[in-house]
Amino acid sequence: MESLKYLILIRVRNRQFTSDDFTKVLKDNDIQISMDGKGRWVDNVFIERLWRSLKYEDIYLKAYESISKARLGFTEYFRFYNEERRHQSLDRQTPDQVYGACIVEWNKAA
């Protein structure tokens, strides 16, 4: 499967995320930017749920002793979250199953 770029960019009020320098990096890497404010609260809900899951299912249970151990732990958690953890909101499927199916459909349509 070809390599895909995913980026969720939450609109923040800090200027650094809307500056020309920052958005140029995104554009130069063919990353789509959406900063129109539509759906902003929905994006926030998903991110808040993700961070809540990370805290309660990983951080609080493991109490990492260092930043490097936390990075390794987060990498493993996000792999688990996307590849193994079944999500109620996705009909008990993993994100990889749902979005992998979407990619197959997109490729068929192309």
N, C-alpha and C. Protein backbone atom coordinates (compact mmCIF):
# COMPACT_ATOMS: atom_id res chain seq x y z
N MET A 1 0.86 -1.18 0.00
CA MET A 1 0.00 0.00 0.00
C MET A 1 0.90 1.24 0.00
N GLU A 2 0.51 2.19 -0.81
CA GLU A 2 1.34 3.39 -0.91
C GLU A 2 1.32 4.18 0.40
N SER A 3 2.37 4.91 0.61
CA SER A 3 2.49 5.73 1.82
C SER A 3 1.51 6.90 1.76
N LEU A 4 0.81 7.10 2.85
CA LEU A 4 -0.18 8.18 2.91
C LEU A 4 0.22 9.17 3.99
N LYS A 5 -0.08 10.43 3.75
CA LYS A 5 0.20 11.47 4.73
C LYS A 5 -1.08 11.81 5.45
N TYR A 6 -1.05 11.74 6.75
CA TYR A 6 -2.19 12.15 7.55
C TYR A 6 -1.74 13.24 8.51
N LEU A 7 -2.53 14.24 8.64
CA LEU A 7 -2.22 15.28 9.61
C LEU A 7 -3.53 15.87 10.10
N ILE A 8 -3.68 15.87 11.38
CA ILE A 8 -4.82 16.56 11.97
C ILE A 8 -4.26 17.82 12.59
N LEU A 9 -4.69 18.93 12.10
CA LEU A 9 -4.19 20.19 12.60
C LEU A 9 -5.35 20.93 13.25
N ILE A 10 -5.30 21.02 14.54
CA ILE A 10 -6.35 21.70 15.27
C ILE A 10 -6.04 23.19 15.27
N ARG A 11 -7.05 23.97 14.96
CA ARG A 11 -6.87 25.42 14.91
C ARG A 11 -6.67 25.94 16.33
N VAL A 12 -5.58 26.58 16.52
CA VAL A 12 -5.28 27.21 17.80
C VAL A 12 -5.09 28.70 17.57
N ARG A 13 -5.23 29.43 18.60
CA ARG A 13 -5.13 30.88 18.47
C ARG A 13 -3.68 31.38 18.44
N ASN A 14 -2.74 30.50 18.69
CA ASN A 14 -1.34 30.93 18.65
C ASN A 14 -0.93 31.26 17.22
N ARG A 15 -0.32 32.36 17.06
CA ARG A 15 0.06 32.86 15.73
C ARG A 15 0.98 31.90 14.99
N GLN A 16 1.83 31.18 15.70
CA GLN A 16 2.81 30.32 15.04
C GLN A 16 2.14 29.27 14.14
N PHE A 17 0.90 28.88 14.44
CA PHE A 17 0.23 27.86 13.65
C PHE A 17 -0.51 28.42 12.44
N THR A 18 -0.60 29.74 12.35
CA THR A 18 -1.25 30.35 11.19
C THR A 18 -0.28 31.25 10.43
N SER A 19 0.96 31.28 10.86
CA SER A 19 1.94 32.14 10.20
C SER A 19 2.24 31.62 8.80
N ASP A 20 2.72 32.50 7.95
CA ASP A 20 3.08 32.12 6.59
C ASP A 20 4.17 31.06 6.59
N ASP A 21 5.14 31.18 7.51
CA ASP A 21 6.23 30.20 7.56
C ASP A 21 5.70 28.80 7.87
N PHE A 22 4.79 28.70 8.82
CA PHE A 22 4.24 27.40 9.21
C PHE A 22 3.37 26.81 8.10
N THR A 23 2.47 27.61 7.56
CA THR A 23 1.58 27.08 6.52
C THR A 23 2.34 26.76 5.23
N LYS A 24 3.45 27.44 4.97
CA LYS A 24 4.26 27.13 3.79
C LYS A 24 4.84 25.72 3.90
N VAL A 25 5.27 25.32 5.07
CA VAL A 25 5.80 23.97 5.27
C VAL A 25 4.72 22.94 4.93
N LEU A 26 3.49 23.19 5.38
CA LEU A 26 2.39 22.27 5.10
C LEU A 26 2.12 22.21 3.60
N LYS A 27 2.01 23.37 2.98
CA LYS A 27 1.72 23.43 1.54
C LYS A 27 2.82 22.78 0.72
N ASP A 28 4.08 23.01 1.09
CA ASP A 28 5.22 22.42 0.37
C ASP A 28 5.20 20.90 0.43
N ASN A 29 4.54 20.34 1.44
CA ASN A 29 4.46 18.89 1.60
C ASN A 29 3.09 18.34 1.21
N ASP A 30 2.35 19.13 0.42
CA ASP A 30 1.02 18.72 -0.08
C ASP A 30 0.07 18.30 1.04
N ILE A 31 0.12 19.02 2.16
CA ILE A 31 -0.78 18.75 3.28
C ILE A 31 -1.89 19.78 3.23
N GLN A 32 -3.12 19.28 3.17
CA GLN A 32 -4.28 20.16 3.06
C GLN A 32 -4.51 20.89 4.38
N ILE A 33 -4.82 22.16 4.29
CA ILE A 33 -5.02 22.99 5.47
C ILE A 33 -6.48 23.39 5.54
N SER A 34 -7.07 23.24 6.71
CA SER A 34 -8.45 23.68 6.91
C SER A 34 -8.48 24.54 8.17
N MET A 35 -8.63 25.83 7.98
CA MET A 35 -8.66 26.73 9.13
C MET A 35 -9.83 27.69 9.01
N ASP A 36 -10.94 27.22 8.46
CA ASP A 36 -12.08 28.10 8.27
C ASP A 36 -12.98 28.19 9.49
N GLY A 37 -12.72 27.35 10.50
CA GLY A 37 -13.52 27.39 11.72
C GLY A 37 -14.73 26.49 11.68
N LYS A 38 -15.13 26.02 10.50
CA LYS A 38 -16.29 25.14 10.41
C LYS A 38 -15.92 23.78 10.99
N GLY A 39 -16.78 23.25 11.85
CA GLY A 39 -16.52 21.95 12.44
C GLY A 39 -15.47 21.95 13.53
N ARG A 40 -15.03 23.13 13.92
CA ARG A 40 -13.95 23.25 14.90
C ARG A 40 -14.28 22.52 16.20
N TRP A 41 -15.50 22.64 16.70
CA TRP A 41 -15.86 21.99 17.96
C TRP A 41 -15.85 20.48 17.81
N VAL A 42 -16.20 19.99 16.62
CA VAL A 42 -16.20 18.54 16.40
C VAL A 42 -14.77 18.02 16.44
N ASP A 43 -13.85 18.73 15.78
CA ASP A 43 -12.45 18.34 15.81
C ASP A 43 -11.96 18.28 17.25
N ASN A 44 -12.34 19.24 18.05
CA ASN A 44 -11.92 19.29 19.43
C ASN A 44 -12.45 18.10 20.22
N VAL A 45 -13.67 17.69 19.97
CA VAL A 45 -14.25 16.54 20.67
C VAL A 45 -13.42 15.29 20.41
N PHE A 46 -13.06 15.06 19.15
CA PHE A 46 -12.28 13.87 18.81
C PHE A 46 -10.91 13.90 19.48
N ILE A 47 -10.25 15.04 19.45
CA ILE A 47 -8.93 15.16 20.07
C ILE A 47 -9.03 14.96 21.59
N GLU A 48 -10.04 15.56 22.21
CA GLU A 48 -10.21 15.40 23.65
C GLU A 48 -10.44 13.94 24.02
N ARG A 49 -11.21 13.22 23.23
CA ARG A 49 -11.43 11.79 23.49
C ARG A 49 -10.14 11.01 23.34
N LEU A 50 -9.37 11.34 22.31
CA LEU A 50 -8.10 10.65 22.10
C LEU A 50 -7.17 10.85 23.29
N TRP A 51 -7.02 12.10 23.75
CA TRP A 51 -6.12 12.37 24.88
C TRP A 51 -6.64 11.73 26.16
N ARG A 52 -7.95 11.70 26.34
CA ARG A 52 -8.52 11.03 27.51
C ARG A 52 -8.17 9.55 27.48
N SER A 53 -8.32 8.92 26.33
CA SER A 53 -7.97 7.50 26.19
C SER A 53 -6.50 7.28 26.50
N LEU A 54 -5.64 8.11 25.94
CA LEU A 54 -4.20 7.98 26.18
C LEU A 54 -3.89 8.10 27.67
N LYS A 55 -4.48 9.07 28.33
CA LYS A 55 -4.21 9.27 29.76
C LYS A 55 -4.66 8.07 30.59
N TYR A 56 -5.92 7.65 30.41
CA TYR A 56 -6.48 6.61 31.27
C TYR A 56 -6.03 5.20 30.91
N GLU A 57 -5.71 4.96 29.65
CA GLU A 57 -5.32 3.62 29.22
C GLU A 57 -3.81 3.41 29.18
N ASP A 58 -3.05 4.49 29.32
CA ASP A 58 -1.60 4.35 29.21
C ASP A 58 -0.84 5.16 30.26
N ILE A 59 -0.94 6.47 30.21
CA ILE A 59 -0.10 7.32 31.06
C ILE A 59 -0.31 7.04 32.55
N TYR A 60 -1.56 7.05 33.00
CA TYR A 60 -1.82 6.85 34.42
C TYR A 60 -1.45 5.44 34.88
N LEU A 61 -1.54 4.47 34.01
CA LEU A 61 -1.22 3.08 34.39
C LEU A 61 0.28 2.82 34.44
N LYS A 62 1.03 3.51 33.59
CA LYS A 62 2.46 3.20 33.47
C LYS A 62 3.38 4.19 34.19
N ALA A 63 2.91 5.39 34.45
CA ALA A 63 3.71 6.40 35.17
C ALA A 63 5.16 6.42 34.67
N TYR A 64 5.33 6.83 33.44
CA TYR A 64 6.65 6.83 32.81
C TYR A 64 7.67 7.62 33.63
N GLU A 65 8.88 7.08 33.67
CA GLU A 65 9.96 7.69 34.46
C GLU A 65 10.77 8.71 33.67
N SER A 66 10.64 8.71 32.37
CA SER A 66 11.42 9.66 31.56
C SER A 66 10.66 9.97 30.27
N ILE A 67 11.09 11.03 29.63
CA ILE A 67 10.49 11.43 28.36
C ILE A 67 10.73 10.35 27.30
N SER A 68 11.93 9.78 27.27
CA SER A 68 12.22 8.77 26.26
C SER A 68 11.36 7.53 26.44
N LYS A 69 11.11 7.14 27.68
CA LYS A 69 10.24 5.99 27.92
C LYS A 69 8.79 6.31 27.56
N ALA A 70 8.38 7.55 27.82
CA ALA A 70 7.03 7.97 27.45
C ALA A 70 6.87 7.96 25.93
N ARG A 71 7.86 8.43 25.21
CA ARG A 71 7.78 8.43 23.74
C ARG A 71 7.61 7.01 23.21
N LEU A 72 8.41 6.10 23.72
CA LEU A 72 8.29 4.70 23.29
C LEU A 72 6.92 4.14 23.64
N GLY A 73 6.46 4.46 24.84
CA GLY A 73 5.15 3.99 25.28
C GLY A 73 4.02 4.56 24.43
N PHE A 74 4.11 5.84 24.09
CA PHE A 74 3.07 6.47 23.27
C PHE A 74 3.06 5.87 21.87
N THR A 75 4.24 5.61 21.33
CA THR A 75 4.33 4.99 20.01
C THR A 75 3.61 3.65 20.02
N GLU A 76 3.87 2.85 21.03
CA GLU A 76 3.22 1.55 21.14
C GLU A 76 1.72 1.72 21.38
N TYR A 77 1.32 2.68 22.20
CA TYR A 77 -0.10 2.89 22.46
C TYR A 77 -0.85 3.28 21.19
N PHE A 78 -0.30 4.21 20.41
CA PHE A 78 -0.99 4.64 19.20
C PHE A 78 -1.03 3.53 18.15
N ARG A 79 -0.01 2.67 18.12
CA ARG A 79 -0.09 1.50 17.24
C ARG A 79 -1.25 0.62 17.69
N PHE A 80 -1.33 0.33 18.99
CA PHE A 80 -2.43 -0.46 19.55
C PHE A 80 -3.78 0.22 19.27
N TYR A 81 -3.86 1.52 19.52
CA TYR A 81 -5.10 2.28 19.35
C TYR A 81 -5.62 2.19 17.92
N ASN A 82 -4.73 2.25 16.94
CA ASN A 82 -5.13 2.23 15.54
C ASN A 82 -5.28 0.84 14.94
N GLU A 83 -4.49 -0.12 15.41
CA GLU A 83 -4.47 -1.44 14.78
C GLU A 83 -5.24 -2.52 15.55
N GLU A 84 -5.36 -2.39 16.87
CA GLU A 84 -5.95 -3.47 17.65
C GLU A 84 -7.19 -3.06 18.45
N ARG A 85 -7.20 -1.87 18.99
CA ARG A 85 -8.29 -1.44 19.87
C ARG A 85 -9.56 -1.20 19.06
N ARG A 86 -10.60 -1.91 19.41
CA ARG A 86 -11.88 -1.77 18.73
C ARG A 86 -12.62 -0.57 19.33
N HIS A 87 -13.24 0.24 18.46
CA HIS A 87 -13.89 1.47 18.89
C HIS A 87 -15.39 1.37 18.74
N GLN A 88 -16.10 1.69 19.79
CA GLN A 88 -17.55 1.64 19.77
C GLN A 88 -18.12 2.53 18.66
N SER A 89 -17.54 3.71 18.50
CA SER A 89 -18.05 4.66 17.50
C SER A 89 -17.77 4.20 16.07
N LEU A 90 -16.94 3.18 15.90
CA LEU A 90 -16.63 2.66 14.57
C LEU A 90 -17.22 1.26 14.38
N ASP A 91 -18.32 1.00 15.05
CA ASP A 91 -18.98 -0.32 14.96
C ASP A 91 -18.06 -1.45 15.38
N ARG A 92 -17.31 -1.22 16.46
CA ARG A 92 -16.40 -2.22 17.03
C ARG A 92 -15.27 -2.63 16.07
N GLN A 93 -14.93 -1.73 15.16
CA GLN A 93 -13.80 -1.96 14.27
C GLN A 93 -12.63 -1.10 14.73
N THR A 94 -11.45 -1.41 14.22
CA THR A 94 -10.30 -0.57 14.51
C THR A 94 -10.25 0.57 13.49
N PRO A 95 -9.58 1.68 13.81
CA PRO A 95 -9.43 2.75 12.81
C PRO A 95 -8.77 2.25 11.52
N ASP A 96 -7.78 1.36 11.65
CA ASP A 96 -7.13 0.83 10.45
C ASP A 96 -8.12 0.08 9.56
N GLN A 97 -9.02 -0.68 10.16
CA GLN A 97 -10.02 -1.40 9.37
C GLN A 97 -10.94 -0.42 8.63
N VAL A 98 -11.41 0.58 9.34
CA VAL A 98 -12.34 1.55 8.74
C VAL A 98 -11.67 2.36 7.66
N TYR A 99 -10.54 2.96 7.96
CA TYR A 99 -9.89 3.84 7.00
C TYR A 99 -9.20 3.05 5.89
N GLY A 100 -8.77 1.83 6.19
CA GLY A 100 -8.22 0.97 5.14
C GLY A 100 -9.28 0.64 4.11
N ALA A 101 -10.51 0.37 4.56
CA ALA A 101 -11.62 0.11 3.65
C ALA A 101 -11.93 1.34 2.81
N CYS A 102 -11.83 2.52 3.40
CA CYS A 102 -12.08 3.77 2.65
C CYS A 102 -11.04 3.94 1.54
N ILE A 103 -9.81 3.62 1.83
CA ILE A 103 -8.74 3.77 0.84
C ILE A 103 -9.00 2.82 -0.33
N VAL A 104 -9.41 1.60 -0.03
CA VAL A 104 -9.72 0.64 -1.09
C VAL A 104 -10.84 1.18 -1.97
N GLU A 105 -11.89 1.73 -1.35
CA GLU A 105 -13.00 2.31 -2.11
C GLU A 105 -12.55 3.50 -2.95
N TRP A 106 -11.69 4.35 -2.38
CA TRP A 106 -11.20 5.51 -3.12
C TRP A 106 -10.42 5.05 -4.34
N ASN A 107 -9.57 4.02 -4.15
CA ASN A 107 -8.77 3.51 -5.25
C ASN A 107 -9.65 2.91 -6.36
N LYS A 108 -10.74 2.25 -5.96
CA LYS A 108 -11.67 1.69 -6.95
C LYS A 108 -12.34 2.80 -7.74
N ALA A 109 -12.66 3.89 -7.06
CA ALA A 109 -13.37 5.00 -7.71
C ALA A 109 -12.45 5.78 -8.66
N ALA A 110 -11.16 5.73 -8.40
CA ALA A 110 -10.21 6.53 -9.20
C ALA A 110 -9.94 5.96 -10.56
